[in-house]
N, C-alpha and C. Protein backbone atom coordinates (compact mmCIF):
# COMPACT_ATOMS: atom_id res chain seq x y z
N MET A 1 0.84 -1.18 0.00
CA MET A 1 0.00 0.00 0.00
C MET A 1 0.88 1.25 0.00
N LYS A 2 0.50 2.21 -0.80
CA LYS A 2 1.20 3.49 -0.82
C LYS A 2 0.80 4.30 0.41
N MET A 3 1.74 5.13 0.85
CA MET A 3 1.48 5.98 2.02
C MET A 3 1.97 7.40 1.75
N ILE A 4 1.37 8.33 2.47
CA ILE A 4 1.76 9.73 2.40
C ILE A 4 1.66 10.32 3.81
N LEU A 5 2.55 11.22 4.11
CA LEU A 5 2.58 11.87 5.42
C LEU A 5 1.92 13.24 5.29
N ALA A 6 0.90 13.50 6.10
CA ALA A 6 0.12 14.74 5.98
C ALA A 6 0.72 15.88 6.79
N ASP A 7 0.67 17.06 6.21
CA ASP A 7 1.03 18.30 6.89
C ASP A 7 -0.26 18.99 7.34
N THR A 8 -0.14 19.96 8.19
CA THR A 8 -1.29 20.67 8.75
C THR A 8 -2.11 21.40 7.68
N GLY A 9 -1.46 22.03 6.73
CA GLY A 9 -2.16 22.86 5.74
C GLY A 9 -3.31 22.16 5.04
N PRO A 10 -3.07 21.03 4.39
CA PRO A 10 -4.17 20.36 3.70
C PRO A 10 -5.22 19.79 4.64
N LEU A 11 -4.79 19.33 5.82
CA LEU A 11 -5.76 18.81 6.79
C LEU A 11 -6.71 19.92 7.21
N TYR A 12 -6.16 21.08 7.54
CA TYR A 12 -6.99 22.22 7.92
C TYR A 12 -7.89 22.64 6.76
N ALA A 13 -7.31 22.76 5.58
CA ALA A 13 -8.06 23.22 4.41
C ALA A 13 -9.27 22.33 4.12
N ALA A 14 -9.15 21.05 4.38
CA ALA A 14 -10.26 20.14 4.14
C ALA A 14 -11.47 20.45 5.01
N TYR A 15 -11.26 21.11 6.14
CA TYR A 15 -12.34 21.42 7.07
C TYR A 15 -12.85 22.85 6.99
N ASP A 16 -12.10 23.73 6.36
CA ASP A 16 -12.49 25.14 6.32
C ASP A 16 -12.92 25.54 4.91
N PRO A 17 -14.22 25.66 4.67
CA PRO A 17 -14.70 26.02 3.33
C PRO A 17 -14.19 27.37 2.83
N SER A 18 -13.74 28.24 3.73
CA SER A 18 -13.23 29.54 3.29
C SER A 18 -11.74 29.51 2.97
N ASP A 19 -11.07 28.40 3.24
CA ASP A 19 -9.64 28.28 2.93
C ASP A 19 -9.44 28.20 1.43
N ARG A 20 -8.45 28.89 0.92
CA ARG A 20 -8.23 28.92 -0.53
C ARG A 20 -7.88 27.55 -1.11
N PHE A 21 -7.44 26.62 -0.28
CA PHE A 21 -7.10 25.28 -0.74
C PHE A 21 -8.19 24.25 -0.42
N HIS A 22 -9.36 24.70 0.02
CA HIS A 22 -10.41 23.77 0.46
C HIS A 22 -10.79 22.75 -0.62
N ARG A 23 -11.14 23.22 -1.79
CA ARG A 23 -11.55 22.30 -2.87
C ARG A 23 -10.41 21.37 -3.25
N GLN A 24 -9.21 21.90 -3.33
CA GLN A 24 -8.05 21.09 -3.67
C GLN A 24 -7.85 20.00 -2.62
N ALA A 25 -7.96 20.36 -1.35
CA ALA A 25 -7.77 19.37 -0.28
C ALA A 25 -8.81 18.27 -0.37
N LEU A 26 -10.06 18.63 -0.62
CA LEU A 26 -11.12 17.61 -0.73
C LEU A 26 -10.89 16.71 -1.94
N THR A 27 -10.44 17.29 -3.04
CA THR A 27 -10.12 16.49 -4.24
C THR A 27 -9.00 15.52 -3.94
N GLU A 28 -8.01 15.97 -3.20
CA GLU A 28 -6.87 15.11 -2.87
C GLU A 28 -7.26 14.01 -1.89
N VAL A 29 -8.12 14.32 -0.92
CA VAL A 29 -8.61 13.30 0.00
C VAL A 29 -9.31 12.20 -0.80
N GLU A 30 -10.14 12.59 -1.74
CA GLU A 30 -10.84 11.62 -2.59
C GLU A 30 -9.85 10.82 -3.43
N PHE A 31 -8.85 11.49 -3.98
CA PHE A 31 -7.82 10.81 -4.78
C PHE A 31 -7.11 9.76 -3.94
N PHE A 32 -6.69 10.14 -2.73
CA PHE A 32 -5.98 9.20 -1.86
C PHE A 32 -6.86 7.99 -1.55
N ALA A 33 -8.14 8.22 -1.29
CA ALA A 33 -9.06 7.12 -1.00
C ALA A 33 -9.21 6.21 -2.22
N ASN A 34 -9.40 6.81 -3.40
CA ASN A 34 -9.58 6.02 -4.62
C ASN A 34 -8.33 5.23 -5.01
N GLN A 35 -7.17 5.77 -4.69
CA GLN A 35 -5.90 5.12 -5.03
C GLN A 35 -5.36 4.25 -3.89
N ALA A 36 -6.14 4.11 -2.83
CA ALA A 36 -5.74 3.32 -1.64
C ALA A 36 -4.39 3.81 -1.09
N ILE A 37 -4.25 5.12 -1.01
CA ILE A 37 -3.05 5.72 -0.42
C ILE A 37 -3.35 5.99 1.05
N GLU A 38 -2.59 5.37 1.92
CA GLU A 38 -2.79 5.52 3.35
C GLU A 38 -2.21 6.86 3.81
N VAL A 39 -3.01 7.64 4.52
CA VAL A 39 -2.58 8.93 5.04
C VAL A 39 -2.08 8.74 6.46
N LEU A 40 -0.81 9.09 6.68
CA LEU A 40 -0.22 9.05 8.02
C LEU A 40 -0.20 10.47 8.57
N ILE A 41 -0.54 10.60 9.84
CA ILE A 41 -0.54 11.90 10.49
C ILE A 41 0.27 11.80 11.77
N LEU A 42 1.25 12.68 11.89
CA LEU A 42 2.01 12.74 13.13
C LEU A 42 1.14 13.35 14.23
N TYR A 43 1.28 12.86 15.44
CA TYR A 43 0.51 13.44 16.54
C TYR A 43 0.74 14.94 16.69
N PRO A 44 1.98 15.45 16.54
CA PRO A 44 2.13 16.92 16.61
C PRO A 44 1.34 17.66 15.53
N VAL A 45 1.22 17.08 14.35
CA VAL A 45 0.44 17.69 13.27
C VAL A 45 -1.04 17.64 13.63
N LEU A 46 -1.50 16.55 14.20
CA LEU A 46 -2.88 16.46 14.65
C LEU A 46 -3.17 17.54 15.70
N LEU A 47 -2.23 17.72 16.64
CA LEU A 47 -2.41 18.74 17.68
C LEU A 47 -2.48 20.14 17.07
N GLU A 48 -1.58 20.42 16.13
CA GLU A 48 -1.56 21.74 15.50
C GLU A 48 -2.84 21.98 14.70
N THR A 49 -3.27 20.97 13.95
CA THR A 49 -4.47 21.09 13.13
C THR A 49 -5.71 21.29 14.01
N HIS A 50 -5.80 20.49 15.06
CA HIS A 50 -6.95 20.62 15.96
C HIS A 50 -6.98 22.01 16.59
N SER A 51 -5.84 22.51 16.99
CA SER A 51 -5.78 23.84 17.59
C SER A 51 -6.29 24.91 16.63
N LEU A 52 -5.86 24.85 15.38
CA LEU A 52 -6.32 25.82 14.37
C LEU A 52 -7.82 25.70 14.13
N VAL A 53 -8.30 24.47 13.97
CA VAL A 53 -9.73 24.26 13.73
C VAL A 53 -10.55 24.74 14.92
N LEU A 54 -10.11 24.42 16.11
CA LEU A 54 -10.82 24.82 17.32
C LEU A 54 -10.94 26.35 17.40
N LYS A 55 -9.84 27.05 17.18
CA LYS A 55 -9.83 28.51 17.29
C LYS A 55 -10.61 29.19 16.16
N ARG A 56 -10.50 28.64 14.95
CA ARG A 56 -11.09 29.31 13.80
C ARG A 56 -12.49 28.83 13.44
N LEU A 57 -12.77 27.55 13.70
CA LEU A 57 -14.03 26.96 13.23
C LEU A 57 -14.94 26.48 14.36
N GLY A 58 -14.42 26.39 15.57
CA GLY A 58 -15.26 26.06 16.71
C GLY A 58 -15.13 24.63 17.22
N ILE A 59 -15.71 24.43 18.37
CA ILE A 59 -15.62 23.15 19.08
C ILE A 59 -16.24 21.99 18.30
N PRO A 60 -17.46 22.12 17.75
CA PRO A 60 -18.04 20.96 17.05
C PRO A 60 -17.19 20.47 15.88
N ILE A 61 -16.64 21.40 15.11
CA ILE A 61 -15.81 20.98 13.97
C ILE A 61 -14.49 20.41 14.47
N GLY A 62 -13.97 20.96 15.57
CA GLY A 62 -12.76 20.40 16.17
C GLY A 62 -12.96 18.96 16.61
N LEU A 63 -14.10 18.68 17.20
CA LEU A 63 -14.40 17.30 17.61
C LEU A 63 -14.60 16.40 16.41
N ARG A 64 -15.26 16.91 15.37
CA ARG A 64 -15.45 16.12 14.15
C ARG A 64 -14.11 15.78 13.51
N LEU A 65 -13.20 16.76 13.47
CA LEU A 65 -11.86 16.53 12.93
C LEU A 65 -11.18 15.38 13.67
N LEU A 66 -11.22 15.41 14.99
CA LEU A 66 -10.56 14.36 15.77
C LEU A 66 -11.18 12.99 15.49
N GLU A 67 -12.50 12.93 15.42
CA GLU A 67 -13.17 11.66 15.15
C GLU A 67 -12.82 11.14 13.76
N GLU A 68 -12.90 12.01 12.76
CA GLU A 68 -12.67 11.58 11.38
C GLU A 68 -11.21 11.21 11.14
N LEU A 69 -10.29 12.00 11.65
CA LEU A 69 -8.88 11.68 11.42
C LEU A 69 -8.46 10.44 12.19
N SER A 70 -9.00 10.26 13.38
CA SER A 70 -8.67 9.06 14.15
C SER A 70 -9.19 7.80 13.47
N ALA A 71 -10.34 7.92 12.79
CA ALA A 71 -10.93 6.77 12.12
C ALA A 71 -10.37 6.55 10.71
N GLY A 72 -9.97 7.63 10.03
CA GLY A 72 -9.62 7.51 8.62
C GLY A 72 -8.16 7.60 8.28
N ALA A 73 -7.32 7.84 9.26
CA ALA A 73 -5.88 7.98 9.00
C ALA A 73 -5.12 7.16 10.03
N THR A 74 -3.85 7.00 9.78
CA THR A 74 -2.98 6.31 10.73
C THR A 74 -2.19 7.37 11.48
N LEU A 75 -2.35 7.39 12.79
CA LEU A 75 -1.66 8.36 13.63
C LEU A 75 -0.36 7.74 14.13
N ILE A 76 0.73 8.51 13.99
CA ILE A 76 2.04 8.00 14.42
C ILE A 76 2.76 9.04 15.26
N GLN A 77 3.67 8.56 16.06
CA GLN A 77 4.45 9.41 16.95
C GLN A 77 5.88 9.55 16.40
N PRO A 78 6.40 10.77 16.30
CA PRO A 78 7.81 10.92 15.94
C PRO A 78 8.69 10.32 17.04
N THR A 79 9.90 9.94 16.67
CA THR A 79 10.85 9.43 17.65
C THR A 79 11.64 10.60 18.23
N ILE A 80 12.34 10.33 19.32
CA ILE A 80 13.23 11.35 19.90
C ILE A 80 14.28 11.76 18.86
N ALA A 81 14.77 10.79 18.11
CA ALA A 81 15.76 11.09 17.06
C ALA A 81 15.18 12.02 15.99
N ASP A 82 13.90 11.85 15.67
CA ASP A 82 13.25 12.73 14.68
C ASP A 82 13.29 14.19 15.15
N TYR A 83 13.05 14.40 16.45
CA TYR A 83 13.10 15.77 16.98
C TYR A 83 14.52 16.34 16.90
N GLY A 84 15.51 15.50 17.15
CA GLY A 84 16.91 15.93 17.02
C GLY A 84 17.24 16.30 15.59
N THR A 85 16.79 15.46 14.65
CA THR A 85 17.00 15.75 13.22
C THR A 85 16.31 17.05 12.83
N ALA A 86 15.11 17.26 13.37
CA ALA A 86 14.35 18.48 13.07
C ALA A 86 15.11 19.72 13.55
N GLN A 87 15.68 19.65 14.73
CA GLN A 87 16.44 20.79 15.24
C GLN A 87 17.67 21.05 14.38
N GLN A 88 18.32 20.00 13.90
CA GLN A 88 19.47 20.18 12.99
C GLN A 88 19.01 20.85 11.70
N THR A 89 17.85 20.46 11.20
CA THR A 89 17.30 21.06 9.99
C THR A 89 17.07 22.54 10.18
N LEU A 90 16.51 22.92 11.32
CA LEU A 90 16.26 24.35 11.58
C LEU A 90 17.56 25.14 11.57
N ARG A 91 18.63 24.55 12.10
CA ARG A 91 19.94 25.23 12.10
C ARG A 91 20.51 25.35 10.69
N GLN A 92 20.15 24.43 9.79
CA GLN A 92 20.63 24.48 8.41
C GLN A 92 20.00 25.62 7.61
N PHE A 93 18.83 26.08 8.05
CA PHE A 93 18.10 27.11 7.32
C PHE A 93 17.75 28.29 8.24
N PRO A 94 18.78 28.98 8.74
CA PRO A 94 18.52 30.05 9.71
C PRO A 94 17.78 31.25 9.12
N ASP A 95 17.73 31.35 7.80
CA ASP A 95 17.05 32.47 7.16
C ASP A 95 15.60 32.14 6.79
N GLN A 96 15.14 30.95 7.17
CA GLN A 96 13.78 30.52 6.84
C GLN A 96 12.95 30.34 8.11
N ALA A 97 11.69 30.73 8.05
CA ALA A 97 10.78 30.58 9.19
C ALA A 97 10.12 29.20 9.15
N ILE A 98 10.95 28.17 9.21
CA ILE A 98 10.45 26.79 9.22
C ILE A 98 10.07 26.45 10.66
N THR A 99 8.87 25.93 10.84
CA THR A 99 8.43 25.59 12.19
C THR A 99 9.01 24.24 12.61
N LEU A 100 9.04 24.03 13.91
CA LEU A 100 9.47 22.73 14.43
C LEU A 100 8.49 21.64 14.00
N PHE A 101 7.21 21.98 13.86
CA PHE A 101 6.24 21.03 13.33
C PHE A 101 6.68 20.54 11.95
N ASP A 102 7.00 21.48 11.06
CA ASP A 102 7.37 21.12 9.69
C ASP A 102 8.70 20.39 9.64
N ALA A 103 9.66 20.84 10.41
CA ALA A 103 10.97 20.16 10.42
C ALA A 103 10.84 18.74 10.96
N THR A 104 9.98 18.54 11.94
CA THR A 104 9.75 17.19 12.47
C THR A 104 9.06 16.33 11.42
N THR A 105 8.08 16.88 10.73
CA THR A 105 7.41 16.14 9.66
C THR A 105 8.42 15.77 8.58
N ALA A 106 9.31 16.70 8.24
CA ALA A 106 10.35 16.42 7.25
C ALA A 106 11.28 15.30 7.72
N ALA A 107 11.64 15.31 8.99
CA ALA A 107 12.52 14.27 9.54
C ALA A 107 11.87 12.89 9.44
N VAL A 108 10.59 12.82 9.78
CA VAL A 108 9.88 11.53 9.69
C VAL A 108 9.73 11.12 8.23
N ALA A 109 9.44 12.06 7.36
CA ALA A 109 9.33 11.75 5.93
C ALA A 109 10.63 11.17 5.39
N GLN A 110 11.75 11.76 5.79
CA GLN A 110 13.05 11.23 5.37
C GLN A 110 13.29 9.83 5.92
N ARG A 111 13.00 9.64 7.21
CA ARG A 111 13.24 8.35 7.84
C ARG A 111 12.40 7.25 7.22
N LEU A 112 11.14 7.56 6.91
CA LEU A 112 10.23 6.56 6.34
C LEU A 112 10.22 6.56 4.81
N ASN A 113 10.98 7.48 4.21
CA ASN A 113 11.05 7.61 2.75
C ASN A 113 9.65 7.80 2.15
N LEU A 114 8.93 8.80 2.68
CA LEU A 114 7.57 9.09 2.23
C LEU A 114 7.47 10.52 1.73
N PRO A 115 6.58 10.75 0.76
CA PRO A 115 6.29 12.14 0.39
C PRO A 115 5.40 12.78 1.43
N VAL A 116 5.39 14.11 1.43
CA VAL A 116 4.54 14.87 2.35
C VAL A 116 3.43 15.53 1.54
N TRP A 117 2.22 15.42 2.05
CA TRP A 117 1.06 16.10 1.47
C TRP A 117 1.01 17.48 2.11
N THR A 118 1.39 18.48 1.35
CA THR A 118 1.52 19.83 1.89
C THR A 118 1.33 20.87 0.80
N TYR A 119 1.08 22.09 1.23
CA TYR A 119 1.05 23.25 0.34
C TYR A 119 2.14 24.24 0.74
N ASP A 120 3.01 23.83 1.64
CA ASP A 120 4.03 24.69 2.24
C ASP A 120 5.35 24.56 1.47
N PHE A 121 5.83 25.66 0.92
CA PHE A 121 7.07 25.67 0.13
C PHE A 121 8.31 25.31 0.96
N HIS A 122 8.21 25.38 2.28
CA HIS A 122 9.38 25.05 3.10
C HIS A 122 9.83 23.60 2.93
N PHE A 123 8.92 22.72 2.57
CA PHE A 123 9.31 21.33 2.35
C PHE A 123 10.20 21.21 1.11
N ASP A 124 9.93 22.04 0.10
CA ASP A 124 10.82 22.09 -1.08
C ASP A 124 12.20 22.57 -0.66
N ILE A 125 12.25 23.59 0.17
CA ILE A 125 13.53 24.13 0.64
C ILE A 125 14.31 23.06 1.40
N MET A 126 13.58 22.26 2.21
CA MET A 126 14.24 21.20 3.00
C MET A 126 14.58 19.97 2.16
N GLY A 127 14.17 19.97 0.88
CA GLY A 127 14.49 18.85 -0.01
C GLY A 127 13.62 17.63 0.20
N ILE A 128 12.39 17.85 0.64
CA ILE A 128 11.46 16.75 0.92
C ILE A 128 10.53 16.55 -0.27
N SER A 129 10.29 15.30 -0.64
CA SER A 129 9.36 14.99 -1.71
C SER A 129 7.95 15.41 -1.29
N VAL A 130 7.28 16.15 -2.17
CA VAL A 130 5.96 16.70 -1.87
C VAL A 130 4.96 16.12 -2.85
N GLN A 131 3.78 15.81 -2.32
CA GLN A 131 2.70 15.34 -3.18
C GLN A 131 1.46 16.15 -2.87
N ASN A 132 0.90 16.75 -3.91
CA ASN A 132 -0.38 17.42 -3.83
C ASN A 132 -0.96 17.42 -5.24
N GLN A 133 -2.09 18.04 -5.42
CA GLN A 133 -2.79 17.95 -6.71
C GLN A 133 -1.91 18.37 -7.87
N GLY A 134 -1.08 19.35 -7.66
CA GLY A 134 -0.21 19.80 -8.73
C GLY A 134 0.93 18.83 -9.02
N ARG A 135 1.13 17.86 -8.15
CA ARG A 135 2.26 16.94 -8.32
C ARG A 135 1.86 15.47 -8.28
N ILE A 136 0.58 15.17 -8.38
CA ILE A 136 0.14 13.77 -8.34
C ILE A 136 0.38 13.14 -9.70
C-alpha cells in the first residue's frame, strides 16, 4: 500500500470552506481514497491542526476533525531522534521561518522515505518529496 505523510495545511483546508485550498484538499482526499493511499498523520500535526480548527471553526468541527482523522488515518508518533534531526534542519536554514512542526514532519518523511502532502514551500527548501494535486 502506498502511504503519504500529511502536513497541517491540507488537513486544515479540508475542514475550512473559506480556505483557498479547500476544494483542492477535498479532491486530494478523494484521490488518496480512490488510489488506496494511506494517510499518516504525526501526533504533533494532529495537535496543530486541531488547535487551528478549534480557534477558527469552533468546538463541534474540532471534535469532528478528531473523530474523522482518528478513524480515517494512521496516527504515528515521531521518535526522539526525529526531533533531534528536526532541530538540525532548523539550524541548516537560519534564514527561513520553518516551524518545528514542519521540520519534524520532514525528519519523519526522510526516515520513512515518504512524500509529504503539503502546500508549504518550506518542504521544497528542505528537499522533501511533496505530493499534492499539482504533483500527483
